[in-house]
Amino acid sequence: MIQKALTIAGSDSGGGAGIQADLKTFQEMKVYGMSAVTAVTAQNTKGVQSVYPLSSETVIEQLNSIAEDLTPQAVKTGMLVNGDIISETAAFLHSHSWDILVVDPVMVAKGGAPLLEEEAVYALKHLLLPLAYVITPNIPEAEALTGMDIQNDGDCMKAAEALFHMGAKHVVIKGGHQSGAESYLATDILFDGKRFYTYTSPRVSTPHTHGTGCTFSAVITAQLAKGLTVHESVQTAKHFITAAISDTLGIGTHHGPTNHWAYQAGMKI
């Protein structure tokens, strides 16, 4: 049986993040990828020039088409843009019992452009987060969702516990933005409500990290679609993204994309 994974996210014209990164990742992880587009962006490695949200009706129409014929084994959300899309998407996911849901709470692009309207944060916290089988915030996103100041691994663990108590079944805090004494390492922390798991790799000094969050969460989604555990899925995602960052493509003049081929190719591309 071919396992299917669905991404609900924005389109990145530069190909490094969003729908494009998710579908590339699904292909590399050997699941059939599908998409529902929430917005069209004009962007490149220099930044996001424009964002054109689709209507919530258009997003739901795409989801209805998928539900009629191509039910996914796992779903992920990325850039959902505004409160209407978040609320309608959350209601759809709940009504269809698509329970293996990975929420990547995309708020700001790598170059600093906002990708989630401010009033939509409430809908994300109160409507979508409680449906999450896994939520994968980076440190700034975890701070925005919890109101906490995160400086070290201990703070990450406290934030993970807070997000768990807000309704997410599993929480992965990505440590790529961490500074201070532990900043020479990139440590991601998983909390499943009972215990913590840590995944650590040396930090790679490179500007080519566009799409890392999308790619990381897409690997988790693909692995869950294939029936792996959350711990196994996060472990593979850590290896995948470390390879993708370590052997970058060098495309573009600013924040270039990661190398989606690197993991399967043994970092030889």
Protein backbone atom coordinates (compact mmCIF):
# COMPACT_ATOMS: atom_id res chain seq x y z
CA MET A 1 0.00 0.00 0.00
CA ILE A 2 1.29 3.44 -0.92
CA GLN A 3 1.08 5.82 2.03
CA LYS A 4 -0.18 9.34 1.37
CA ALA A 5 0.76 12.60 3.09
CA LEU A 6 -0.96 15.97 2.72
CA THR A 7 0.50 19.42 3.23
CA ILE A 8 -1.72 22.46 3.82
CA ALA A 9 0.55 25.45 3.30
CA GLY A 10 1.63 28.35 1.13
CA SER A 11 3.38 28.23 -2.22
CA ASP A 12 7.00 29.44 -2.34
CA SER A 13 7.93 30.68 -5.82
CA GLY A 14 11.60 30.21 -4.92
CA GLY A 15 11.03 26.51 -4.25
CA GLY A 16 12.86 26.35 -0.93
CA ALA A 17 10.00 26.30 1.57
CA GLY A 18 6.25 25.80 1.80
CA ILE A 19 4.37 23.45 -0.51
CA GLN A 20 7.39 22.97 -2.76
CA ALA A 21 9.72 21.92 0.08
CA ASP A 22 7.07 19.63 1.55
CA LEU A 23 6.41 17.80 -1.72
CA LYS A 24 10.14 17.40 -2.39
CA THR A 25 10.54 15.94 1.09
CA PHE A 26 7.58 13.57 0.75
CA GLN A 27 9.08 12.28 -2.48
CA GLU A 28 12.46 11.72 -0.84
CA MET A 29 10.79 9.88 2.04
CA LYS A 30 8.85 7.67 -0.38
CA VAL A 31 5.29 8.70 0.38
CA TYR A 32 2.77 10.10 -2.10
CA GLY A 33 2.49 13.84 -1.55
CA MET A 34 -0.64 15.99 -1.93
CA SER A 35 -1.26 19.66 -1.25
CA ALA A 36 -3.84 22.28 -0.42
CA VAL A 37 -2.52 25.77 -1.13
CA THR A 38 -3.37 28.53 1.37
CA ALA A 39 -1.52 31.42 -0.27
CA VAL A 40 0.68 32.27 -3.21
CA THR A 41 3.88 34.09 -2.34
CA ALA A 42 6.38 35.95 -4.48
CA GLN A 43 9.73 35.22 -2.85
CA ASN A 44 13.34 34.30 -3.45
CA THR A 45 16.45 33.90 -1.30
CA LYS A 46 16.43 37.67 -0.65
CA GLY A 47 13.04 37.54 1.09
CA VAL A 48 9.29 37.61 0.63
CA GLN A 49 8.14 40.28 -1.80
CA SER A 50 4.38 39.61 -1.69
CA VAL A 51 1.82 37.30 -0.08
CA TYR A 52 -1.55 36.65 -1.73
CA PRO A 53 -3.86 34.64 0.58
CA LEU A 54 -6.51 32.43 -0.95
CA SER A 55 -10.02 32.41 0.49
CA SER A 56 -10.85 29.89 3.19
CA GLU A 57 -13.52 28.52 0.81
CA THR A 58 -10.82 27.77 -1.78
CA VAL A 59 -8.71 25.96 0.82
CA ILE A 60 -11.65 23.86 2.00
CA GLU A 61 -12.64 23.02 -1.58
CA GLN A 62 -9.16 21.57 -2.11
CA LEU A 63 -9.47 19.57 1.10
CA ASN A 64 -12.89 18.26 0.08
CA SER A 65 -11.46 17.02 -3.22
CA ILE A 66 -8.71 15.16 -1.38
CA ALA A 67 -11.15 13.70 1.17
CA GLU A 68 -13.42 12.35 -1.56
CA ASP A 69 -10.74 10.29 -3.23
CA LEU A 70 -7.28 10.39 -1.63
CA THR A 71 -7.56 10.18 2.16
CA PRO A 72 -4.11 10.88 3.67
CA GLN A 73 -2.47 8.79 6.38
CA ALA A 74 -0.90 11.95 7.84
CA VAL A 75 -1.34 15.71 7.39
CA LYS A 76 0.85 18.71 8.09
CA THR A 77 0.05 22.40 8.21
CA GLY A 78 2.45 25.19 7.40
CA MET A 79 1.66 28.82 6.58
CA LEU A 80 -2.07 29.31 7.19
CA VAL A 81 -1.96 33.13 6.88
CA ASN A 82 -5.07 34.23 8.77
CA GLY A 83 -7.73 33.34 11.31
CA ASP A 84 -10.38 32.38 8.76
CA ILE A 85 -8.17 29.78 7.09
CA ILE A 86 -7.03 28.42 10.46
CA SER A 87 -10.54 28.11 11.89
CA GLU A 88 -12.01 26.54 8.75
CA THR A 89 -9.08 24.15 8.38
CA ALA A 90 -9.25 23.13 12.03
CA ALA A 91 -12.98 22.43 11.75
CA PHE A 92 -12.42 20.35 8.60
CA LEU A 93 -9.61 18.30 10.14
CA HIS A 94 -11.67 17.65 13.25
CA SER A 95 -14.79 16.63 11.33
CA HIS A 96 -12.84 14.20 9.13
CA SER A 97 -10.88 12.70 12.04
CA TRP A 98 -7.53 13.29 10.34
CA ASP A 99 -5.82 12.79 13.68
CA ILE A 100 -2.20 12.34 12.59
CA LEU A 101 -1.64 16.06 12.25
CA VAL A 102 1.75 17.77 12.35
CA VAL A 103 1.44 21.51 13.00
CA ASP A 104 4.38 23.65 11.93
CA PRO A 105 3.31 27.02 13.36
CA VAL A 106 4.82 29.17 10.61
CA MET A 107 4.83 32.79 11.74
CA VAL A 108 7.85 34.58 10.23
CA ALA A 109 9.94 33.90 7.10
CA LYS A 110 13.70 33.38 7.32
CA GLY A 111 14.29 36.94 6.17
CA GLY A 112 11.92 38.36 8.80
CA ALA A 113 8.71 38.88 6.79
CA PRO A 114 5.54 38.01 8.77
CA LEU A 115 3.69 34.98 7.39
CA LEU A 116 0.86 34.85 9.94
CA GLU A 117 -1.45 37.75 10.65
CA GLU A 118 -1.28 38.82 14.28
CA GLU A 119 -4.93 38.15 15.07
CA ALA A 120 -4.53 34.63 13.71
CA VAL A 121 -2.25 33.61 16.59
CA TYR A 122 -5.32 33.25 18.83
CA ALA A 123 -6.95 30.85 16.37
CA LEU A 124 -3.71 28.89 16.06
CA LYS A 125 -3.40 28.51 19.83
CA HIS A 126 -7.02 27.73 20.60
CA LEU A 127 -8.33 25.92 17.51
CA LEU A 128 -5.44 24.19 15.73
CA LEU A 129 -2.90 23.49 18.46
CA PRO A 130 -5.32 21.24 20.44
CA LEU A 131 -5.69 19.05 17.33
CA ALA A 132 -1.94 18.60 16.89
CA TYR A 133 -0.53 15.10 17.15
CA VAL A 134 2.86 16.82 16.87
CA ILE A 135 3.69 20.53 16.95
CA THR A 136 7.13 21.70 15.79
CA PRO A 137 7.83 25.32 16.78
CA ASN A 138 11.25 26.89 16.65
CA ILE A 139 12.31 28.96 19.66
CA PRO A 140 10.76 32.31 18.54
CA GLU A 141 7.49 30.52 17.69
CA ALA A 142 7.49 28.70 21.04
CA GLU A 143 8.05 32.02 22.79
CA ALA A 144 5.15 33.60 20.88
CA LEU A 145 2.81 30.71 21.68
CA THR A 146 3.69 30.39 25.37
CA GLY A 147 4.74 33.93 26.33
CA MET A 148 7.95 32.48 27.78
CA ASP A 149 11.54 33.66 27.39
CA ILE A 150 13.64 30.74 26.10
CA GLN A 151 17.39 30.92 26.61
CA ASN A 152 18.56 27.32 27.05
CA ASP A 153 17.54 23.66 26.91
CA GLY A 154 15.85 23.88 30.30
CA ASP A 155 13.64 26.69 29.05
CA CYS A 156 12.84 24.62 25.93
CA MET A 157 11.65 21.79 28.15
CA LYS A 158 9.41 24.13 30.14
CA ALA A 159 7.96 25.54 26.93
CA ALA A 160 7.36 22.01 25.62
CA GLU A 161 5.45 21.15 28.79
CA ALA A 162 3.37 24.32 28.43
CA LEU A 163 2.47 23.50 24.82
CA PHE A 164 1.57 19.96 25.82
CA HIS A 165 -0.81 21.32 28.44
CA MET A 166 -2.31 23.59 25.77
CA GLY A 167 -3.42 20.45 23.94
CA ALA A 168 -0.67 19.19 21.64
CA LYS A 169 -0.03 15.46 22.11
CA HIS A 170 3.67 15.70 21.25
CA VAL A 171 5.86 18.81 21.21
CA VAL A 172 9.15 19.26 19.37
CA ILE A 173 11.04 22.47 20.17
CA LYS A 174 13.64 23.09 17.48
CA GLY A 175 16.86 24.54 18.87
CA GLY A 176 18.30 26.13 15.76
CA HIS A 177 17.80 29.67 17.07
CA GLN A 178 19.41 29.06 20.43
CA SER A 179 22.24 31.34 21.53
CA GLY A 180 24.60 31.33 24.49
CA ALA A 181 26.76 28.55 25.90
CA GLU A 182 24.96 25.75 24.06
CA SER A 183 24.79 27.53 20.69
CA TYR A 184 27.59 25.48 19.09
CA LEU A 185 25.10 22.61 19.07
CA ALA A 186 21.66 22.37 17.50
CA THR A 187 19.47 20.46 19.95
CA ASP A 188 15.84 19.60 19.29
CA ILE A 189 13.71 18.45 22.21
CA LEU A 190 10.66 16.16 22.04
CA PHE A 191 8.16 15.89 24.89
CA ASP A 192 5.44 13.24 24.77
CA GLY A 193 3.73 14.11 28.02
CA LYS A 194 5.83 11.68 30.05
CA ARG A 195 9.46 12.00 29.04
CA PHE A 196 11.86 14.12 27.05
CA TYR A 197 13.99 13.03 24.10
CA THR A 198 16.88 15.13 22.80
CA TYR A 199 18.38 15.12 19.30
CA THR A 200 21.69 16.96 18.99
CA SER A 201 23.97 17.72 16.09
CA PRO A 202 26.86 20.16 15.57
CA ARG A 203 25.64 23.54 14.38
CA VAL A 204 26.48 24.21 10.74
CA SER A 205 27.53 27.76 9.87
CA THR A 206 25.68 28.54 6.63
CA PRO A 207 23.17 31.10 5.34
CA HIS A 208 21.48 28.39 3.28
CA THR A 209 18.76 27.35 5.72
CA HIS A 210 15.60 28.49 3.92
CA GLY A 211 12.84 25.92 4.39
CA THR A 212 14.42 24.00 7.26
CA GLY A 213 11.27 24.10 9.39
CA CYS A 214 9.01 23.03 6.54
CA THR A 215 11.34 20.20 5.58
CA PHE A 216 11.81 18.99 9.16
CA SER A 217 8.07 18.79 9.81
CA ALA A 218 7.46 17.19 6.40
CA VAL A 219 9.85 14.34 7.24
CA ILE A 220 7.99 13.74 10.50
CA THR A 221 4.68 13.72 8.60
CA ALA A 222 5.95 11.26 6.01
CA GLN A 223 7.34 8.90 8.63
CA LEU A 224 4.13 9.01 10.67
CA ALA A 225 2.18 8.24 7.47
CA LYS A 226 4.28 5.08 7.18
CA GLY A 227 3.41 4.04 10.73
CA LEU A 228 6.60 4.96 12.58
CA THR A 229 6.54 6.33 16.11
CA VAL A 230 6.95 10.03 16.86
CA HIS A 231 10.39 9.39 18.37
CA GLU A 232 11.52 7.46 15.27
CA SER A 233 10.05 10.12 12.99
CA VAL A 234 11.79 13.00 14.76
CA GLN A 235 15.07 11.09 14.77
CA THR A 236 14.90 10.64 10.99
CA ALA A 237 13.89 14.29 10.56
CA LYS A 238 16.97 15.34 12.53
CA HIS A 239 19.26 13.25 10.32
CA PHE A 240 17.52 14.50 7.16
CA ILE A 241 17.74 18.19 7.99
CA THR A 242 21.32 17.93 9.25
CA ALA A 243 22.31 16.41 5.91
CA ALA A 244 20.30 19.01 4.00
CA ILE A 245 22.02 21.89 5.80
CA SER A 246 25.51 20.36 5.82
CA ASP A 247 25.61 19.84 2.06
CA THR A 248 23.82 22.91 0.78
CA LEU A 249 23.23 23.75 -2.86
CA GLY A 250 24.61 27.28 -2.74
CA ILE A 251 21.68 28.65 -4.73
CA GLY A 252 20.76 32.33 -4.50
CA THR A 253 22.44 35.37 -2.97
CA HIS A 254 20.97 35.35 0.55
CA HIS A 255 19.10 32.65 2.52
CA GLY A 256 19.37 29.79 0.03
CA PRO A 257 17.40 26.53 0.21
CA THR A 258 18.51 23.32 1.88
CA ASN A 259 19.52 20.26 -0.13
CA HIS A 260 16.60 17.83 -0.22
CA TRP A 261 18.73 15.23 -2.05
CA ALA A 262 21.46 15.04 0.57
CA TYR A 263 19.92 12.53 2.99
CA GLN A 264 19.16 9.83 0.45
CA ALA A 265 22.42 10.44 -1.40
CA GLY A 266 24.55 10.07 1.72
CA MET A 267 25.50 13.75 1.49
CA LYS A 268 27.49 13.14 -1.71
CA ILE A 269 25.66 15.52 -4.05
